Amino acid sequence: MSAELPSQPSLRRLKQFGVRPNRELGQNFLVDSNILGVIERAAELGPGDVCLEIGGGLGVLSEHLAERAAHVHVIEVDRSLEPALRDALDPHPNATLHFGDAMTLDLGALDPPPTKVVANLPYGIAASALLRTIEELPHAELWVAMAQKEVGERLAAAPGSAAYGIPSVIAQLAADVRVLRGVSRRVFHPVPNVDSVLVLARRTGPAAAPELRVLVQQAFAHRRKALARSLSLAAGAPPGIRDRARAALESLGFPADARAERLAPADFRALYETLAAGGPTTAAHTPTTDDGPQ
């Protein structure tokens, strides 16, 4: 029977354990082992690294990491994959398998704490999972993740671009994020209907404070409106926030009616600090019938 099984680990486990990919969970398993070397080099794997993998799947990346790192935490939500993952990880005492939802699991309790996140992220949670690990894993310094092309481009987007938005700002407040390369659809089974990219993020500072994240979310909530106007439309907006935000923007060198997409992540931090400190209370601009785009 073993002679009839494919040599590639994912394909072998698919057949050996009768695994059927669950599309509702966004399961697209890695079946081309050549991509593992690309991921390994990008992640700069060393014997002292503690890696977190979100979405263990059939364990092909999991075992690759376990052979090269001090410890590997593998999170998988689908318990039906346990036999395949045990087959991959049982030979590695430095690997810990966690069954649960990566969006609710207590990441801070992982021991030893992860220093790198290396994963083929499930499409449905890719951006949220990466942002959550940036926030909740302060010891993590590097992320190498495969994600849907649009998600990766959004995380790495520059100010003023169509893709630039909340995920871009939140991620880039704490890390330098870039798209390394495209990834062929053919490295996955089943072949997805979307393109993928390999994203690299290198930590540059602590995660954004909750209040700063709220400011970013409110600023982009009405993307076609001026940033100050968008802040004033938020539930529970403090009195006078529109005028204060307009004045703060001008003090930072922006037009009073600038939209959120014009501000770089560092500008959002400066805006938050200006407003938190009391900031300017009046905007030094010529009154108009409206404050720009509404």
Protein backbone atom coordinates (compact mmCIF):
# COMPACT_ATOMS: atom_id res chain seq x y z
CA MET A 1 0.00 0.00 0.00
CA SER A 2 2.78 2.43 0.89
CA ALA A 3 4.27 2.06 -2.59
CA GLU A 4 1.02 3.41 -4.02
CA LEU A 5 1.15 6.59 -1.97
CA PRO A 6 2.61 9.77 -3.47
CA SER A 7 6.02 10.83 -2.19
CA GLN A 8 5.05 14.49 -1.66
CA PRO A 9 3.90 14.71 2.00
CA SER A 10 0.65 16.63 1.46
CA LEU A 11 -0.47 14.44 -1.42
CA ARG A 12 0.46 11.32 0.57
CA ARG A 13 -1.53 12.46 3.62
CA LEU A 14 -4.49 13.48 1.51
CA LYS A 15 -4.72 9.90 0.25
CA GLN A 16 -3.53 8.07 3.37
CA PHE A 17 -5.95 9.79 5.75
CA GLY A 18 -8.80 10.39 3.31
CA VAL A 19 -8.71 14.16 3.75
CA ARG A 20 -11.29 16.20 1.88
CA PRO A 21 -10.48 19.93 1.73
CA ASN A 22 -13.11 22.06 3.44
CA ARG A 23 -13.83 25.10 1.27
CA GLU A 24 -15.85 26.75 4.04
CA LEU A 25 -12.63 26.88 6.08
CA GLY A 26 -10.66 28.17 3.12
CA GLN A 27 -8.50 25.06 2.98
CA ASN A 28 -6.01 25.10 0.12
CA PHE A 29 -3.18 22.77 1.05
CA LEU A 30 0.44 23.21 -0.02
CA VAL A 31 1.32 20.39 -2.41
CA ASP A 32 4.52 21.76 -3.96
CA SER A 33 7.41 21.37 -1.55
CA ASN A 34 9.65 23.66 -3.63
CA ILE A 35 7.93 26.71 -2.10
CA LEU A 36 9.14 25.64 1.35
CA GLY A 37 12.70 26.71 0.57
CA VAL A 38 11.45 30.12 -0.54
CA ILE A 39 9.55 30.53 2.73
CA GLU A 40 12.51 29.30 4.77
CA ARG A 41 14.91 31.80 3.22
CA ALA A 42 12.47 34.67 3.60
CA ALA A 43 11.88 33.78 7.26
CA GLU A 44 15.62 33.66 7.94
CA LEU A 45 15.06 30.55 10.02
CA GLY A 46 17.63 29.77 12.67
CA PRO A 47 18.00 27.22 15.47
CA GLY A 48 16.93 29.77 18.10
CA ASP A 49 13.62 30.71 16.47
CA VAL A 50 10.22 29.96 17.92
CA CYS A 51 7.72 29.87 15.07
CA LEU A 52 3.95 30.17 15.03
CA GLU A 53 2.09 28.61 12.12
CA ILE A 54 -1.60 29.47 11.73
CA GLY A 55 -3.43 26.87 9.70
CA GLY A 56 -1.34 23.72 9.93
CA GLY A 57 -3.27 21.93 7.22
CA LEU A 58 -1.52 18.70 6.28
CA GLY A 59 1.67 19.59 8.12
CA VAL A 60 4.06 20.01 5.19
CA LEU A 61 5.18 23.46 6.34
CA SER A 62 4.87 22.44 10.00
CA GLU A 63 7.44 19.66 9.76
CA HIS A 64 9.72 21.82 7.63
CA LEU A 65 9.73 24.47 10.36
CA ALA A 66 10.17 21.92 13.15
CA GLU A 67 13.35 20.63 11.52
CA ARG A 68 14.88 24.12 11.50
CA ALA A 69 13.60 26.00 14.56
CA ALA A 70 13.89 25.65 18.31
CA HIS A 71 10.13 25.27 18.67
CA VAL A 72 7.02 25.41 16.49
CA HIS A 73 3.46 26.17 17.58
CA VAL A 74 0.90 24.96 15.06
CA ILE A 75 -2.69 26.21 15.29
CA GLU A 76 -5.40 24.33 13.40
CA VAL A 77 -9.16 24.76 13.69
CA ASP A 78 -10.14 21.56 11.84
CA ARG A 79 -9.87 18.52 14.13
CA SER A 80 -10.43 16.17 11.22
CA LEU A 81 -6.85 16.99 10.19
CA GLU A 82 -5.39 15.66 13.45
CA PRO A 83 -4.23 12.29 12.06
CA ALA A 84 -2.36 14.00 9.21
CA LEU A 85 -0.84 16.61 11.53
CA ARG A 86 0.18 13.98 14.09
CA ASP A 87 1.88 12.09 11.27
CA ALA A 88 3.86 15.26 10.49
CA LEU A 89 4.60 16.45 14.01
CA ASP A 90 4.89 13.40 16.26
CA PRO A 91 8.52 12.83 15.16
CA HIS A 92 9.35 16.35 16.38
CA PRO A 93 9.29 16.84 20.17
CA ASN A 94 9.86 20.57 19.63
CA ALA A 95 6.43 21.01 18.00
CA THR A 96 3.19 21.78 19.82
CA LEU A 97 -0.17 21.30 18.14
CA HIS A 98 -3.02 23.58 19.27
CA PHE A 99 -6.55 22.92 18.09
CA GLY A 100 -8.67 26.04 18.12
CA ASP A 101 -9.60 29.25 16.36
CA ALA A 102 -6.55 31.45 15.81
CA MET A 103 -8.78 34.52 16.21
CA THR A 104 -9.85 33.58 19.75
CA LEU A 105 -7.02 31.39 21.07
CA ASP A 106 -4.93 33.02 23.81
CA LEU A 107 -1.80 33.75 21.80
CA GLY A 108 -0.12 35.35 24.79
CA ALA A 109 -0.18 32.01 26.59
CA LEU A 110 1.96 30.24 23.96
CA ASP A 111 5.09 28.93 25.65
CA PRO A 112 7.77 29.50 24.55
CA PRO A 113 6.58 32.80 23.07
CA PRO A 114 6.82 32.97 19.26
CA THR A 115 9.51 35.13 17.70
CA LYS A 116 8.34 34.58 14.13
CA VAL A 117 5.03 33.89 12.39
CA VAL A 118 5.38 31.67 9.33
CA ALA A 119 2.17 30.47 7.74
CA ASN A 120 0.02 29.73 4.73
CA LEU A 121 -2.84 31.80 6.14
CA PRO A 122 -6.44 30.70 5.54
CA TYR A 123 -7.92 33.22 3.10
CA GLY A 124 -10.86 34.21 5.28
CA ILE A 125 -8.76 35.39 8.23
CA ALA A 126 -5.42 36.34 6.67
CA ALA A 127 -5.41 40.08 7.38
CA SER A 128 -7.11 39.77 10.77
CA ALA A 129 -4.77 36.98 11.89
CA LEU A 130 -1.65 38.89 10.90
CA LEU A 131 -2.84 42.05 12.66
CA ARG A 132 -3.79 40.07 15.77
CA THR A 133 -0.36 38.48 16.01
CA ILE A 134 1.33 41.88 15.63
CA GLU A 135 -0.75 43.13 18.55
CA GLU A 136 -0.65 40.11 20.85
CA LEU A 137 2.83 38.69 20.24
CA PRO A 138 5.24 41.43 21.35
CA HIS A 139 8.25 39.10 21.02
CA ALA A 140 7.48 38.36 17.36
CA GLU A 141 9.85 40.21 15.05
CA LEU A 142 9.23 38.71 11.61
CA TRP A 143 6.21 37.50 9.63
CA VAL A 144 6.34 35.49 6.42
CA ALA A 145 2.87 34.58 5.26
CA MET A 146 1.11 33.46 2.14
CA ALA A 147 -2.14 35.33 1.64
CA GLN A 148 -4.62 36.24 -1.05
CA LYS A 149 -3.04 38.75 -3.43
CA GLU A 150 -5.50 41.53 -2.62
CA VAL A 151 -4.94 41.05 1.12
CA GLY A 152 -1.16 41.14 0.80
CA GLU A 153 -1.26 44.23 -1.38
CA ARG A 154 -3.61 45.94 1.07
CA LEU A 155 -1.29 45.27 4.01
CA ALA A 156 1.71 46.66 2.11
CA ALA A 157 -0.11 49.52 0.34
CA ALA A 158 1.34 53.03 0.24
CA PRO A 159 -0.61 56.17 1.23
CA GLY A 160 -2.75 57.53 -1.56
CA SER A 161 -3.21 54.19 -3.31
CA ALA A 162 -6.58 52.55 -3.78
CA ALA A 163 -5.57 49.59 -1.61
CA TYR A 164 -4.41 51.76 1.30
CA GLY A 165 -6.71 51.58 4.30
CA ILE A 166 -7.16 50.43 7.87
CA PRO A 167 -5.14 47.17 7.61
CA SER A 168 -2.29 49.03 5.86
CA VAL A 169 -2.02 51.64 8.61
CA ILE A 170 -2.41 49.27 11.57
CA ALA A 171 0.18 46.83 10.21
CA GLN A 172 2.65 49.50 9.15
CA LEU A 173 2.47 51.34 12.46
CA ALA A 174 4.36 48.37 13.91
CA ALA A 175 6.17 46.81 10.97
CA ASP A 176 7.76 47.33 7.60
CA VAL A 177 5.46 45.36 5.29
CA ARG A 178 6.09 44.38 1.69
CA VAL A 179 4.99 41.85 -0.88
CA LEU A 180 7.93 39.58 -1.66
CA ARG A 181 6.61 37.73 -4.67
CA GLY A 182 3.61 36.14 -6.28
CA VAL A 183 2.82 32.50 -5.62
CA SER A 184 1.49 30.21 -8.32
CA ARG A 185 -1.99 28.80 -7.80
CA ARG A 186 -0.58 25.41 -8.73
CA VAL A 187 1.28 25.01 -5.43
CA PHE A 188 -2.11 24.50 -3.72
CA HIS A 189 -4.73 21.76 -3.70
CA PRO A 190 -7.45 22.39 -4.53
CA VAL A 191 -6.29 25.10 -6.92
CA PRO A 192 -7.84 28.34 -5.60
CA ASN A 193 -9.76 30.83 -7.71
CA VAL A 194 -7.58 33.70 -6.49
CA ASP A 195 -3.93 34.61 -6.76
CA SER A 196 -1.63 34.51 -3.74
CA VAL A 197 1.45 36.41 -2.63
CA LEU A 198 4.16 35.95 -0.05
CA VAL A 199 4.13 38.82 2.45
CA LEU A 200 7.09 39.82 4.62
CA ALA A 201 6.66 42.02 7.68
CA ARG A 202 9.54 43.05 9.93
CA ARG A 203 8.72 44.67 13.26
CA THR A 204 9.82 48.27 13.63
CA GLY A 205 8.04 49.13 16.89
CA PRO A 206 5.23 48.20 19.28
CA ALA A 207 1.68 47.60 18.11
CA ALA A 208 -0.55 50.64 17.88
CA ALA A 209 -2.36 51.58 21.09
CA PRO A 210 -6.09 50.72 21.11
CA GLU A 211 -7.04 54.39 21.01
CA LEU A 212 -4.85 54.94 17.94
CA ARG A 213 -6.43 51.95 16.20
CA VAL A 214 -9.88 53.40 16.90
CA LEU A 215 -8.81 56.75 15.42
CA VAL A 216 -7.61 55.01 12.25
CA GLN A 217 -10.84 53.03 11.96
CA GLN A 218 -12.98 56.13 12.41
CA ALA A 219 -10.87 58.12 9.96
CA PHE A 220 -11.47 55.57 7.19
CA ALA A 221 -15.08 54.83 8.13
CA HIS A 222 -16.29 57.32 5.53
CA ARG A 223 -13.50 57.04 3.01
CA ARG A 224 -14.87 59.59 0.54
CA LYS A 225 -15.30 62.24 3.21
CA ALA A 226 -12.70 64.50 4.77
CA LEU A 227 -10.91 62.82 7.68
CA ALA A 228 -12.11 65.41 10.20
CA ARG A 229 -15.69 64.97 9.02
CA SER A 230 -15.40 61.19 9.28
CA LEU A 231 -14.21 61.49 12.89
CA SER A 232 -17.17 63.72 13.72
CA LEU A 233 -19.60 61.09 12.37
CA ALA A 234 -18.32 58.34 14.69
CA ALA A 235 -20.62 57.13 17.44
CA GLY A 236 -19.84 59.03 20.65
CA ALA A 237 -17.61 61.55 18.87
CA PRO A 238 -16.49 64.25 21.35
CA PRO A 239 -17.84 67.76 20.83
CA GLY A 240 -15.66 69.89 18.58
CA ILE A 241 -13.65 66.97 17.21
CA ARG A 242 -14.12 68.13 13.63
CA ASP A 243 -12.57 71.56 14.22
CA ARG A 244 -9.86 70.12 16.45
CA ALA A 245 -8.96 67.51 13.81
CA ARG A 246 -8.89 70.15 11.05
CA ALA A 247 -6.57 72.31 13.12
CA ALA A 248 -4.38 69.34 14.01
CA LEU A 249 -4.08 68.35 10.36
CA GLU A 250 -3.00 71.85 9.42
CA SER A 251 -0.45 71.88 12.24
CA LEU A 252 1.00 68.69 10.72
CA GLY A 253 1.23 70.25 7.26
CA PHE A 254 -1.92 68.79 5.70
CA PRO A 255 -4.95 70.61 4.29
CA ALA A 256 -7.74 70.85 6.84
CA ASP A 257 -9.99 68.81 4.54
CA ALA A 258 -7.46 66.04 3.86
CA ARG A 259 -8.84 62.55 3.48
CA ALA A 260 -7.52 59.66 5.56
CA GLU A 261 -5.79 58.04 2.61
CA ARG A 262 -3.32 60.96 2.40
CA LEU A 263 -1.80 60.28 5.83
CA ALA A 264 1.06 57.83 6.24
CA PRO A 265 1.03 55.60 9.34
CA ALA A 266 3.47 57.93 11.12
CA ASP A 267 1.14 60.84 10.36
CA PHE A 268 -1.73 59.03 12.05
CA ARG A 269 0.41 58.56 15.13
CA ALA A 270 1.27 62.27 15.10
CA LEU A 271 -2.39 63.18 14.64
CA TYR A 272 -3.40 60.95 17.54
CA GLU A 273 -0.72 62.42 19.80
CA THR A 274 -1.74 65.97 18.84
CA LEU A 275 -5.41 65.32 19.58
CA ALA A 276 -4.64 63.40 22.79
CA ALA A 277 -2.55 66.30 24.04
CA GLY A 278 -5.39 68.74 23.52
CA GLY A 279 -3.97 69.94 20.22
CA PRO A 280 -5.00 73.07 18.37
CA THR A 281 -8.56 74.15 19.16
CA THR A 282 -9.27 76.23 16.08
CA ALA A 283 -8.44 75.70 12.46
CA ALA A 284 -6.55 78.48 10.74
CA HIS A 285 -8.24 78.28 7.37
CA THR A 286 -10.51 80.40 5.27
CA PRO A 287 -14.15 79.44 5.93
CA THR A 288 -15.92 77.74 3.08
CA THR A 289 -19.38 76.35 2.58
CA ASP A 290 -18.03 72.91 3.32
CA ASP A 291 -14.88 71.20 4.52
CA GLY A 292 -13.93 69.53 1.28
CA PRO A 293 -15.17 66.05 0.38
CA GLN A 294 -18.16 65.01 2.44
